[in-house]
Amino acid sequence: MRYNDLMLLHLVTVIPCFIIGTVLLLIKKGSPFHKKAGRVYMILMLLTAAITLFMPAQVGPRFLNHFGWIHSFSFLTIYTVPTAYSAVKKGNIKAHKRKMILLYFGAIIIAGGFTFFPGRYLYELFFA
């Protein structure tokens, strides 16, 4: 699959994550809607993280001629989603909440912010 195709798939999964994640942070926790939207959010986050692992780093140094620093957010997501799900299933709401906030701000806000830096796809799309 070409890089641009992967980028499009990534955007198709991560944009809803941004919207759903924002809503989830703002609404009452534990409601049926929160639980259903949270499941969709977690699945989309795992999909978007998996997609990025097939995208070679375009900026900065590479590890194994493929992975860049931005991929650390993908690995963070792949670790955090299952552990946050496990925490809530065990009734550890505090750990679940902490992990979900970390995931949202780390993998969406911070990593998303990096995509607007020079040399990145969204920077070129919006500012070039």
C-alpha atoms as a PDB file:
ATOM      1  CA  MET A   1       0.000   0.000   0.000  1.00  0.00           C
ATOM      2  CA  ARG A   2       1.284   3.459  -0.865  1.00  0.00           C
ATOM      3  CA  TYR A   3       2.157   6.017   1.800  1.00  0.00           C
ATOM      4  CA  ASN A   4      -0.631   8.379   0.676  1.00  0.00           C
ATOM      5  CA  ASP A   5      -3.198   5.570   0.950  1.00  0.00           C
ATOM      6  CA  LEU A   6      -2.000   4.787   4.460  1.00  0.00           C
ATOM      7  CA  MET A   7      -2.134   8.482   5.330  1.00  0.00           C
ATOM      8  CA  LEU A   8      -5.732   8.690   4.146  1.00  0.00           C
ATOM      9  CA  LEU A   9      -6.689   5.599   6.174  1.00  0.00           C
ATOM     10  CA  HIS A  10      -4.928   7.082   9.180  1.00  0.00           C
ATOM     11  CA  LEU A  11      -6.856  10.347   8.845  1.00  0.00           C
ATOM     12  CA  VAL A  12     -10.152   8.473   8.393  1.00  0.00           C
ATOM     13  CA  THR A  13      -9.578   6.696  11.724  1.00  0.00           C
ATOM     14  CA  VAL A  14      -7.893   9.426  13.759  1.00  0.00           C
ATOM     15  CA  ILE A  15     -10.258  12.316  13.000  1.00  0.00           C
ATOM     16  CA  PRO A  16     -13.229  10.459  14.526  1.00  0.00           C
ATOM     17  CA  CYS A  17     -10.956   9.607  17.477  1.00  0.00           C
ATOM     18  CA  PHE A  18     -10.346  13.293  18.066  1.00  0.00           C
ATOM     19  CA  ILE A  19     -14.087  14.036  17.974  1.00  0.00           C
ATOM     20  CA  ILE A  20     -15.187  11.022  20.031  1.00  0.00           C
ATOM     21  CA  GLY A  21     -12.353  11.487  22.527  1.00  0.00           C
ATOM     22  CA  THR A  22     -13.255  15.133  23.052  1.00  0.00           C
ATOM     23  CA  VAL A  23     -16.912  14.231  23.610  1.00  0.00           C
ATOM     24  CA  LEU A  24     -15.951  11.452  26.022  1.00  0.00           C
ATOM     25  CA  LEU A  25     -13.850  13.828  28.079  1.00  0.00           C
ATOM     26  CA  LEU A  26     -16.786  16.243  28.377  1.00  0.00           C
ATOM     27  CA  ILE A  27     -19.739  13.958  29.082  1.00  0.00           C
ATOM     28  CA  LYS A  28     -20.903  12.070  32.162  1.00  0.00           C
ATOM     29  CA  LYS A  29     -18.760   9.005  32.715  1.00  0.00           C
ATOM     30  CA  GLY A  30     -20.190   5.509  32.980  1.00  0.00           C
ATOM     31  CA  SER A  31     -23.349   6.182  30.976  1.00  0.00           C
ATOM     32  CA  PRO A  32     -24.405   3.684  28.284  1.00  0.00           C
ATOM     33  CA  PHE A  33     -23.391   6.229  25.632  1.00  0.00           C
ATOM     34  CA  HIS A  34     -19.975   6.678  27.276  1.00  0.00           C
ATOM     35  CA  LYS A  35     -19.407   2.921  27.254  1.00  0.00           C
ATOM     36  CA  LYS A  36     -20.461   2.440  23.613  1.00  0.00           C
ATOM     37  CA  ALA A  37     -18.590   5.485  22.332  1.00  0.00           C
ATOM     38  CA  GLY A  38     -15.579   4.442  24.413  1.00  0.00           C
ATOM     39  CA  ARG A  39     -15.481   1.046  22.722  1.00  0.00           C
ATOM     40  CA  VAL A  40     -15.630   2.687  19.289  1.00  0.00           C
ATOM     41  CA  TYR A  41     -12.895   5.113  20.368  1.00  0.00           C
ATOM     42  CA  MET A  42     -10.635   2.312  21.593  1.00  0.00           C
ATOM     43  CA  ILE A  43     -11.088   0.253  18.413  1.00  0.00           C
ATOM     44  CA  LEU A  44     -10.411   3.268  16.205  1.00  0.00           C
ATOM     45  CA  MET A  45      -7.331   4.175  18.264  1.00  0.00           C
ATOM     46  CA  LEU A  46      -5.932   0.667  17.842  1.00  0.00           C
ATOM     47  CA  LEU A  47      -6.651   0.753  14.109  1.00  0.00           C
ATOM     48  CA  THR A  48      -5.035   4.146  13.643  1.00  0.00           C
ATOM     49  CA  ALA A  49      -1.963   3.075  15.640  1.00  0.00           C
ATOM     50  CA  ALA A  50      -1.641  -0.126  13.607  1.00  0.00           C
ATOM     51  CA  ILE A  51      -1.892   1.814  10.349  1.00  0.00           C
ATOM     52  CA  THR A  52       0.910   4.171  11.384  1.00  0.00           C
ATOM     53  CA  LEU A  53       3.257   1.257  11.976  1.00  0.00           C
ATOM     54  CA  PHE A  54       3.213   0.621   8.222  1.00  0.00           C
ATOM     55  CA  MET A  55       4.047   4.258   7.446  1.00  0.00           C
ATOM     56  CA  PRO A  56       7.781   4.964   7.330  1.00  0.00           C
ATOM     57  CA  ALA A  57       8.969   8.034   9.202  1.00  0.00           C
ATOM     58  CA  GLN A  58       9.219  11.017   6.878  1.00  0.00           C
ATOM     59  CA  VAL A  59      11.019  13.410   9.245  1.00  0.00           C
ATOM     60  CA  GLY A  60      14.049  12.949  11.479  1.00  0.00           C
ATOM     61  CA  PRO A  61      16.172   9.908  12.203  1.00  0.00           C
ATOM     62  CA  ARG A  62      14.899   6.389  11.520  1.00  0.00           C
ATOM     63  CA  PHE A  63      15.307   3.164  13.441  1.00  0.00           C
ATOM     64  CA  LEU A  64      15.519   0.059  11.218  1.00  0.00           C
ATOM     65  CA  ASN A  65      15.177   2.476   8.289  1.00  0.00           C
ATOM     66  CA  HIS A  66      11.456   2.805   9.074  1.00  0.00           C
ATOM     67  CA  PHE A  67      10.440   3.924  12.569  1.00  0.00           C
ATOM     68  CA  GLY A  68      10.790   7.493  13.784  1.00  0.00           C
ATOM     69  CA  TRP A  69      10.165   9.157  17.121  1.00  0.00           C
ATOM     70  CA  ILE A  70       6.503   9.711  16.230  1.00  0.00           C
ATOM     71  CA  HIS A  71       5.996   5.935  16.169  1.00  0.00           C
ATOM     72  CA  SER A  72       6.479   5.907  19.948  1.00  0.00           C
ATOM     73  CA  PHE A  73       2.923   7.293  20.155  1.00  0.00           C
ATOM     74  CA  SER A  74       1.698   4.276  18.168  1.00  0.00           C
ATOM     75  CA  PHE A  75       3.345   1.905  20.619  1.00  0.00           C
ATOM     76  CA  LEU A  76       1.965   3.968  23.515  1.00  0.00           C
ATOM     77  CA  THR A  77      -1.520   3.501  22.046  1.00  0.00           C
ATOM     78  CA  ILE A  78      -1.113  -0.227  21.459  1.00  0.00           C
ATOM     79  CA  TYR A  79      -0.089  -0.611  25.112  1.00  0.00           C
ATOM     80  CA  THR A  80      -2.529   1.858  26.676  1.00  0.00           C
ATOM     81  CA  VAL A  81      -5.803   0.802  25.034  1.00  0.00           C
ATOM     82  CA  PRO A  82      -5.819  -2.816  26.280  1.00  0.00           C
ATOM     83  CA  THR A  83      -4.530  -1.877  29.730  1.00  0.00           C
ATOM     84  CA  ALA A  84      -7.164   0.856  30.077  1.00  0.00           C
ATOM     85  CA  TYR A  85      -9.871  -1.583  28.986  1.00  0.00           C
ATOM     86  CA  SER A  86      -8.588  -4.172  31.441  1.00  0.00           C
ATOM     87  CA  ALA A  87      -8.525  -1.580  34.236  1.00  0.00           C
ATOM     88  CA  VAL A  88     -12.164  -0.586  33.723  1.00  0.00           C
ATOM     89  CA  LYS A  89     -13.258  -4.251  33.512  1.00  0.00           C
ATOM     90  CA  LYS A  90     -11.539  -4.865  36.865  1.00  0.00           C
ATOM     91  CA  GLY A  91     -13.294  -1.829  38.353  1.00  0.00           C
ATOM     92  CA  ASN A  92     -10.134   0.262  38.566  1.00  0.00           C
ATOM     93  CA  ILE A  93     -11.783   3.441  37.298  1.00  0.00           C
ATOM     94  CA  LYS A  94      -8.932   5.658  38.494  1.00  0.00           C
ATOM     95  CA  ALA A  95      -6.368   3.782  36.360  1.00  0.00           C
ATOM     96  CA  HIS A  96      -8.760   3.690  33.395  1.00  0.00           C
ATOM     97  CA  LYS A  97      -9.336   7.441  33.611  1.00  0.00           C
ATOM     98  CA  ARG A  98      -5.610   8.189  33.903  1.00  0.00           C
ATOM     99  CA  LYS A  99      -4.779   6.001  30.914  1.00  0.00           C
ATOM    100  CA  MET A 100      -7.553   7.441  28.753  1.00  0.00           C
ATOM    101  CA  ILE A 101      -6.480  11.009  29.495  1.00  0.00           C
ATOM    102  CA  LEU A 102      -2.847  10.067  28.747  1.00  0.00           C
ATOM    103  CA  LEU A 103      -3.940   8.422  25.502  1.00  0.00           C
ATOM    104  CA  TYR A 104      -6.023  11.375  24.351  1.00  0.00           C
ATOM    105  CA  PHE A 105      -3.435  14.047  25.106  1.00  0.00           C
ATOM    106  CA  GLY A 106      -0.390  11.963  24.183  1.00  0.00           C
ATOM    107  CA  ALA A 107      -1.534  10.160  21.078  1.00  0.00           C
ATOM    108  CA  ILE A 108      -4.019  12.673  19.679  1.00  0.00           C
ATOM    109  CA  ILE A 109      -3.140  16.168  20.894  1.00  0.00           C
ATOM    110  CA  ILE A 110       0.668  15.937  21.121  1.00  0.00           C
ATOM    111  CA  ALA A 111       1.251  13.518  18.224  1.00  0.00           C
ATOM    112  CA  GLY A 112      -1.394  15.352  16.196  1.00  0.00           C
ATOM    113  CA  GLY A 113       0.359  18.624  16.908  1.00  0.00           C
ATOM    114  CA  PHE A 114       3.589  17.214  15.491  1.00  0.00           C
ATOM    115  CA  THR A 115       1.832  16.528  12.186  1.00  0.00           C
ATOM    116  CA  PHE A 116       1.601  20.280  11.628  1.00  0.00           C
ATOM    117  CA  PHE A 117       5.410  20.717  11.790  1.00  0.00           C
ATOM    118  CA  PRO A 118       7.339  21.493   8.570  1.00  0.00           C
ATOM    119  CA  GLY A 119       8.056  18.406   6.492  1.00  0.00           C
ATOM    120  CA  ARG A 120       4.962  16.540   7.664  1.00  0.00           C
ATOM    121  CA  TYR A 121       1.943  15.719   5.513  1.00  0.00           C
ATOM    122  CA  LEU A 122      -0.607  17.998   7.219  1.00  0.00           C
ATOM    123  CA  TYR A 123       1.820  20.906   7.276  1.00  0.00           C
ATOM    124  CA  GLU A 124       2.248  20.543   3.522  1.00  0.00           C
ATOM    125  CA  LEU A 125      -1.501  20.164   3.037  1.00  0.00           C
ATOM    126  CA  PHE A 126      -2.492  23.250   5.069  1.00  0.00           C
ATOM    127  CA  PHE A 127       0.486  25.610   4.902  1.00  0.00           C
ATOM    128  CA  ALA A 128       2.500  24.905   1.745  1.00  0.00           C
END
